[in-house]
Every structure is written in structure tokens, then in C-alpha cells.
Amino acid sequence: MRYGFIGLGHLGQHLAGSLVREGFSVTVHDKDHGRAETLIERGAFWADSPRLLAREVDAVFTCLPAPAISEAVLKGADGILSGLKAGGTWIEMSTLDQNDIERLSAVAAAAGVRMMEAPVTGGVHRAAAGDITVIAGGDRDLFDLHLPALKAMGGEIFHAGPLGKAAVIKVITNMLAFIHLLATGEALMLAKMGGIDLTDAFNIIKASSGNSFVHETEGQVILNGSYNINFTMDLACKDLGFALGFGKEFGVPLDLASHTLQTFIRARSVYGGNAWSSQVVKLLEDAVGTDLRASGFPSEL
């Protein structure tokens, strides 16, 4: 099975790297050739466009920052569908809306290409270790066919059902992560203002019933001051927007998610769309007039 991988950003470069590491034939493309250099040194092939990449492979993974970019890479004049042979597979790892998944799968099907979604969750550091969680959606036979590649990239692999269902649960997990991020910032600030050493506070919360994955991970880069979680404010606002859209569609009031989105929009207006999403906690630091810093925590996970 020959795979293509398009989108070598913070996440995609590690996912593609896991495929290369596990011995798969991988052809890569990104608008920035420099992002591919290390992968090429390790044995990946390069293609100058999505079309040329698709001509050389059996299945194409994409990991891109926005639905509009995924759509352009799929069906543009020099896109995947202009090169991938009928019977090939498009595997979308980007976080898309359920409606986008269903619409673009129909476009692919009209060209004889089958689609599977496979968004991931758990953080860039887990992608680097080949241990990220993969949530697949689509036909079961397609999932079984590409399972070896998914296992090369991830730890726990889930089949969430038909196309579109992985998009829903992925957005739900991100929604929870952003809510937890605001909560851990408030908890750490309360501890500091209560005179508790922040290293002690971090460790006690980690060992408590109030712990979360976000506290264990993003809490560290907050305490370091780098905020570097390799995930931006723009992406956080996009994913929270998807969550609120699902809430409206499914008739579920999302009070916490709505408040969290407004907080992230405010943080984006202050710090910029390319600021790391963990920097949302700086709004609280600025409001109180003190920072959340402790020695011994890493700048990046």
C-alpha cells in the first residue's frame, strides 16, 4: 500500500513521520517544501502538487487547518481527485464539520474515490511518539484495509461508525479540552492567590479527583510561560464553533462551550490568531496582575 500525506504542519509532520518510521511507502506534499526535508532524508518521496502525489499512491492522507483548504486540495484544478485513480482512498485527518465530511465524500465518490475520516486527539507530543488517539469514521472494510497505517500513527484506534460520526466526537473531545483549559487556569490562579506553591498545587491537582488530561499537559507549558502546545487560537475558535453548531443542530444547550468560545475569541483579539491556545489563560493573569510561573516545567511537551 502506497500512501500520500498532504499537510506537514505541527501535527501532520509527526503523523507522516510515523508512517515512514514503520516502513510504509510515503509520498509527501506541503506548500512549504522545507517542512518535508527531514521526512525526505528519512526515506519519504516528494511530490510538487496534490495531483502529482495522488498519481503515485493508493491512498492519500490529508491533515490541514481548515475545511476550505481541504476542499481546495481535494477538488482543485491540481487537486487529489485529478490524480488519484478510481478505487483509491482519501483519508481526511483534519477536524471538519460533519456536513463538510458528508458533502466532500459525495464529491470524492463521484470521481470513484472512497473516503474515510480519521481525526486524531491527544496532543502533538503524542503524535510525535506515535501514540496519539485515532478516531475513524467510514465503511468498516475501508477501516480494516487501512488499520495497519492507522496503528503506525496512533495508540488507541477507534471506529466511530459511518462517515461524519468521527467528526462529531472529535469536536466533542476538543470542546472538553478547551473547557478544561479555562478551568485549570482558574484553579492554578486561585491556588497562587491563596498562597500555595504552584508546583505543589500542580502535583496535588494531578493526584486529585479534579485532575484532567489538559491539566497534566497544558498546565505544564502554562507554568513554564511558553504556552506552547502547538495549537493556535484560530484552530481553537474553529473547533468551538463546530461544537456550538452541533449544539444548535442537535438541540443541546451548551452553556459552558458558549462561554468558552467567547473567552477564546477575546483572547484571540488580544494575542492574535497564531498565539498558542493555552495563552487564553493569560487573560486571567493580566486581569489579576500576576503570572502563573514555576520552575522545572518544560517549554514544550
Protein backbone atom coordinates (compact mmCIF):
# COMPACT_ATOMS: atom_id res chain seq x y z
CA MET A 1 0.00 0.00 0.00
CA ARG A 2 1.49 3.30 -1.12
CA TYR A 3 0.40 6.32 0.87
CA GLY A 4 0.48 10.03 0.22
CA PHE A 5 0.43 12.61 3.00
CA ILE A 6 -0.54 16.24 2.43
CA GLY A 7 -0.17 18.82 5.21
CA LEU A 8 3.06 18.75 7.22
CA GLY A 9 2.27 21.23 9.97
CA HIS A 10 2.85 20.71 13.69
CA LEU A 11 0.68 17.58 13.67
CA GLY A 12 0.97 16.26 10.12
CA GLN A 13 4.75 16.06 10.07
CA HIS A 14 4.69 13.67 13.02
CA LEU A 15 1.87 11.53 11.61
CA ALA A 16 3.65 11.22 8.28
CA GLY A 17 6.89 10.56 10.14
CA SER A 18 5.32 7.61 11.95
CA LEU A 19 4.33 6.06 8.62
CA VAL A 20 7.89 6.49 7.35
CA ARG A 21 9.33 5.10 10.58
CA GLU A 22 7.17 1.99 10.31
CA GLY A 23 8.35 1.27 6.78
CA PHE A 24 5.42 2.44 4.67
CA SER A 25 5.99 3.91 1.22
CA VAL A 26 5.08 7.57 1.74
CA THR A 27 4.97 10.47 -0.71
CA VAL A 28 4.54 13.89 0.89
CA HIS A 29 3.49 17.38 -0.13
CA ASP A 30 3.11 20.71 1.64
CA LYS A 31 3.02 24.30 0.42
CA ASP A 32 6.29 24.73 2.34
CA HIS A 33 8.87 22.29 0.95
CA GLY A 34 11.09 22.92 3.98
CA ARG A 35 8.66 21.05 6.21
CA ALA A 36 9.30 17.90 4.18
CA GLU A 37 13.08 17.91 4.21
CA THR A 38 13.54 15.77 7.32
CA LEU A 39 10.96 13.26 6.07
CA ILE A 40 12.69 13.06 2.71
CA GLU A 41 16.01 12.43 4.43
CA ARG A 42 14.35 9.55 6.26
CA GLY A 43 13.03 7.96 3.07
CA ALA A 44 9.83 9.74 2.07
CA PHE A 45 9.28 10.84 -1.52
CA TRP A 46 8.31 14.36 -2.56
CA ALA A 47 5.59 15.47 -4.99
CA ASP A 48 5.21 19.03 -6.29
CA SER A 49 1.42 19.08 -6.09
CA PRO A 50 -1.54 17.14 -4.67
CA ARG A 51 -2.32 15.88 -8.18
CA LEU A 52 1.20 14.56 -8.79
CA LEU A 53 1.24 12.99 -5.32
CA ALA A 54 -2.10 11.26 -5.89
CA ARG A 55 -0.90 9.78 -9.17
CA GLU A 56 1.83 7.84 -7.33
CA VAL A 57 -0.15 6.34 -4.45
CA ASP A 58 -3.11 4.15 -3.50
CA ALA A 59 -4.45 6.33 -0.69
CA VAL A 60 -3.97 9.95 0.37
CA PHE A 61 -3.96 11.28 3.95
CA THR A 62 -4.68 14.97 4.46
CA CYS A 63 -4.08 16.94 7.66
CA LEU A 64 -5.00 20.57 7.03
CA PRO A 65 -6.05 23.59 9.11
CA ALA A 66 -9.46 24.46 7.64
CA PRO A 67 -12.34 22.88 5.67
CA ALA A 68 -11.87 25.30 2.77
CA ILE A 69 -8.25 24.20 2.42
CA SER A 70 -9.24 20.51 2.49
CA GLU A 71 -11.81 21.17 -0.22
CA ALA A 72 -9.32 23.05 -2.41
CA VAL A 73 -6.70 20.29 -2.02
CA LEU A 74 -9.31 17.66 -2.87
CA LYS A 75 -11.03 19.07 -5.92
CA GLY A 76 -8.92 21.97 -7.16
CA ALA A 77 -7.52 22.01 -10.68
CA ASP A 78 -4.33 20.45 -9.36
CA GLY A 79 -6.02 18.53 -6.57
CA ILE A 80 -6.16 14.96 -5.34
CA LEU A 81 -9.13 13.91 -7.47
CA SER A 82 -7.32 14.95 -10.64
CA GLY A 83 -4.60 12.39 -9.92
CA LEU A 84 -5.91 9.56 -7.72
CA LYS A 85 -7.10 6.53 -9.66
CA ALA A 86 -10.65 5.22 -9.28
CA GLY A 87 -10.82 2.87 -6.33
CA GLY A 88 -8.31 4.89 -4.34
CA THR A 89 -8.95 6.22 -0.83
CA TRP A 90 -8.93 9.71 0.61
CA ILE A 91 -8.35 9.68 4.40
CA GLU A 92 -9.13 13.04 6.00
CA MET A 93 -7.38 13.60 9.34
CA SER A 94 -8.31 17.28 9.63
CA THR A 95 -11.04 18.42 12.02
CA LEU A 96 -14.05 19.09 9.80
CA ASP A 97 -17.75 19.61 10.37
CA GLN A 98 -19.99 16.57 9.85
CA ASN A 99 -21.72 18.33 6.95
CA ASP A 100 -18.38 19.03 5.28
CA ILE A 101 -17.42 15.36 5.62
CA GLU A 102 -20.67 14.18 4.05
CA ARG A 103 -20.53 16.76 1.25
CA LEU A 104 -16.91 16.15 0.31
CA SER A 105 -17.32 12.37 0.48
CA ALA A 106 -20.02 12.70 -2.20
CA VAL A 107 -17.63 14.75 -4.36
CA ALA A 108 -14.96 12.06 -3.96
CA ALA A 109 -17.43 9.24 -4.66
CA ALA A 110 -18.46 10.89 -7.93
CA ALA A 111 -14.82 10.57 -9.02
CA GLY A 112 -14.65 6.91 -7.94
CA VAL A 113 -12.70 7.67 -4.75
CA ARG A 114 -13.79 6.33 -1.36
CA MET A 115 -13.40 8.46 1.74
CA MET A 116 -12.59 7.70 5.35
CA GLU A 117 -12.22 10.26 8.15
CA ALA A 118 -9.55 9.76 10.81
CA PRO A 119 -9.17 12.83 13.06
CA VAL A 120 -6.78 12.49 15.98
CA THR A 121 -6.75 13.68 19.57
CA GLY A 122 -4.28 13.73 22.44
CA GLY A 123 -1.78 16.42 21.53
CA VAL A 124 1.15 16.92 19.18
CA HIS A 125 3.56 15.36 21.68
CA ARG A 126 1.64 12.07 21.44
CA ALA A 127 1.67 12.25 17.65
CA ALA A 128 5.46 12.59 17.83
CA ALA A 129 5.59 9.40 19.90
CA GLY A 130 3.26 7.51 17.55
CA ASP A 131 0.78 7.19 20.41
CA ILE A 132 -1.99 9.62 19.50
CA THR A 133 -5.63 8.51 19.58
CA VAL A 134 -7.20 8.00 16.15
CA ILE A 135 -10.97 8.22 15.65
CA ALA A 136 -12.03 6.72 12.32
CA GLY A 137 -15.34 7.00 10.53
CA GLY A 138 -16.46 5.30 7.35
CA ASP A 139 -17.11 1.86 5.90
CA ARG A 140 -15.79 -0.96 8.05
CA ASP A 141 -13.96 -2.70 5.20
CA LEU A 142 -12.10 0.53 4.45
CA PHE A 143 -11.19 0.89 8.12
CA ASP A 144 -9.86 -2.68 8.18
CA LEU A 145 -7.86 -2.10 4.99
CA HIS A 146 -6.03 0.93 6.36
CA LEU A 147 -5.83 -0.17 10.00
CA PRO A 148 -2.11 -1.06 9.78
CA ALA A 149 -1.33 2.53 8.74
CA LEU A 150 -3.55 3.94 11.48
CA LYS A 151 -1.78 1.73 14.03
CA ALA A 152 1.57 3.04 12.81
CA MET A 153 0.47 6.57 13.67
CA GLY A 154 -1.54 6.01 16.82
CA GLY A 155 -2.00 4.17 20.09
CA GLU A 156 -5.71 3.65 20.66
CA ILE A 157 -7.68 3.34 17.41
CA PHE A 158 -11.48 3.69 17.41
CA HIS A 159 -14.04 3.09 14.67
CA ALA A 160 -16.82 5.56 15.49
CA GLY A 161 -19.29 4.41 12.83
CA PRO A 162 -20.26 5.79 9.43
CA LEU A 163 -18.78 8.91 7.87
CA GLY A 164 -19.37 12.04 9.88
CA LYS A 165 -19.53 10.42 13.32
CA ALA A 166 -15.79 10.74 13.95
CA ALA A 167 -16.08 14.46 13.18
CA VAL A 168 -18.75 14.84 15.85
CA ILE A 169 -16.91 13.01 18.63
CA LYS A 170 -13.60 14.69 17.75
CA VAL A 171 -15.20 18.11 18.14
CA ILE A 172 -16.70 16.98 21.45
CA THR A 173 -13.28 15.97 22.78
CA ASN A 174 -11.78 19.31 21.73
CA MET A 175 -14.68 21.17 23.32
CA LEU A 176 -13.97 19.42 26.62
CA ALA A 177 -10.26 20.18 26.34
CA PHE A 178 -10.87 23.92 25.92
CA ILE A 179 -13.30 23.99 28.84
CA HIS A 180 -10.75 22.13 30.97
CA LEU A 181 -8.08 24.63 29.92
CA LEU A 182 -10.02 27.56 31.31
CA ALA A 183 -10.72 25.56 34.47
CA THR A 184 -7.09 24.66 35.12
CA GLY A 185 -6.08 28.29 34.67
CA GLU A 186 -8.64 29.41 37.24
CA ALA A 187 -7.62 26.63 39.63
CA LEU A 188 -3.92 27.48 39.46
CA MET A 189 -4.60 31.19 39.89
CA LEU A 190 -6.81 30.51 42.90
CA ALA A 191 -4.02 28.40 44.40
CA LYS A 192 -1.42 31.10 43.83
CA MET A 193 -3.55 33.86 45.31
CA GLY A 194 -4.27 31.55 48.25
CA GLY A 195 -0.55 31.33 48.99
CA ILE A 196 0.04 27.80 47.71
CA ASP A 197 3.27 26.95 45.88
CA LEU A 198 2.34 26.38 42.24
CA THR A 199 4.43 23.24 41.86
CA ASP A 200 2.68 21.80 44.89
CA ALA A 201 -0.68 22.92 43.51
CA PHE A 202 0.01 21.30 40.14
CA ASN A 203 1.01 17.99 41.71
CA ILE A 204 -1.85 17.92 44.22
CA ILE A 205 -4.44 18.65 41.50
CA LYS A 206 -2.82 16.00 39.30
CA ALA A 207 -3.34 13.45 42.08
CA SER A 208 -6.90 14.57 42.85
CA SER A 209 -10.42 13.93 41.61
CA GLY A 210 -10.22 17.32 39.89
CA ASN A 211 -7.43 16.24 37.58
CA SER A 212 -7.69 16.30 33.78
CA PHE A 213 -5.52 15.40 30.82
CA VAL A 214 -5.33 19.11 29.99
CA HIS A 215 -4.09 19.96 33.50
CA GLU A 216 -1.35 17.32 33.22
CA THR A 217 -0.21 18.55 29.80
CA GLU A 218 -1.09 22.17 29.05
CA GLY A 219 -0.76 23.04 32.72
CA GLN A 220 2.97 22.43 32.37
CA VAL A 221 3.56 24.86 29.49
CA ILE A 222 1.42 27.46 31.26
CA LEU A 223 3.60 27.19 34.36
CA ASN A 224 6.69 27.39 32.15
CA GLY A 225 5.35 30.52 30.46
CA SER A 226 5.82 29.34 26.88
CA TYR A 227 2.15 28.35 26.45
CA ASN A 228 3.50 26.22 23.58
CA ILE A 229 1.03 23.43 22.92
CA ASN A 230 1.47 23.63 19.12
CA PHE A 231 -2.21 24.50 18.67
CA THR A 232 -3.39 28.01 17.82
CA MET A 233 -6.19 30.34 18.92
CA ASP A 234 -7.60 30.26 15.39
CA LEU A 235 -7.90 26.47 15.50
CA ALA A 236 -9.48 26.55 18.94
CA CYS A 237 -12.11 29.07 17.82
CA LYS A 238 -12.82 27.00 14.71
CA ASP A 239 -13.38 23.80 16.69
CA LEU A 240 -15.50 25.51 19.35
CA GLY A 241 -17.58 27.00 16.54
CA PHE A 242 -18.18 23.48 15.24
CA ALA A 243 -19.28 22.39 18.73
CA LEU A 244 -21.79 25.24 19.03
CA GLY A 245 -23.06 24.35 15.56
CA PHE A 246 -23.66 20.76 16.66
CA GLY A 247 -25.42 22.02 19.76
CA LYS A 248 -27.82 24.04 17.63
CA GLU A 249 -28.34 21.18 15.17
CA PHE A 250 -28.94 18.54 17.85
CA GLY A 251 -30.94 20.76 20.19
CA VAL A 252 -28.42 20.63 23.04
CA PRO A 253 -27.81 23.83 25.08
CA LEU A 254 -24.05 24.27 25.53
CA ASP A 255 -23.63 26.93 28.20
CA LEU A 256 -20.02 26.08 29.11
CA ALA A 257 -18.93 25.72 25.48
CA SER A 258 -20.57 29.03 24.57
CA HIS A 259 -18.78 30.87 27.39
CA THR A 260 -15.51 29.17 26.46
CA LEU A 261 -15.80 30.22 22.81
CA GLN A 262 -16.39 33.86 23.82
CA THR A 263 -13.33 33.72 26.07
CA PHE A 264 -11.19 32.34 23.25
CA ILE A 265 -12.48 34.97 20.82
CA ARG A 266 -11.47 37.64 23.35
CA ALA A 267 -8.02 36.06 23.77
CA ARG A 268 -7.57 35.88 20.01
CA SER A 269 -8.40 39.59 19.70
CA VAL A 270 -5.76 40.39 22.33
CA TYR A 271 -2.94 37.98 21.47
CA GLY A 272 -3.63 37.11 17.81
CA GLY A 273 -4.91 34.10 15.93
CA ASN A 274 -1.49 32.47 15.74
CA ALA A 275 -0.93 32.62 19.50
CA TRP A 276 -0.93 29.24 21.21
CA SER A 277 -4.36 28.28 22.50
CA SER A 278 -3.00 27.80 26.05
CA GLN A 279 -2.31 31.53 26.15
CA VAL A 280 -6.03 32.02 26.77
CA VAL A 281 -5.06 31.67 30.45
CA LYS A 282 -3.04 34.90 30.14
CA LEU A 283 -6.34 36.79 30.10
CA LEU A 284 -6.75 35.79 33.73
CA GLU A 285 -3.09 36.53 34.51
CA ASP A 286 -3.47 40.01 33.03
CA ALA A 287 -6.74 40.63 34.89
CA VAL A 288 -5.30 39.64 38.27
CA GLY A 289 -1.95 41.31 37.62
CA THR A 290 0.26 38.29 38.26
CA ASP A 291 1.55 35.33 36.29
CA LEU A 292 1.43 31.59 36.80
CA ARG A 293 5.07 30.52 36.81
CA ALA A 294 7.00 27.73 38.48
CA SER A 295 10.45 26.32 37.83
CA GLY A 296 11.12 22.87 36.42
CA PHE A 297 8.33 22.71 33.85
CA PRO A 298 9.09 22.20 30.12
CA SER A 299 8.60 24.84 27.42
CA GLU A 300 7.19 22.20 25.07
CA LEU A 301 5.83 18.73 25.64
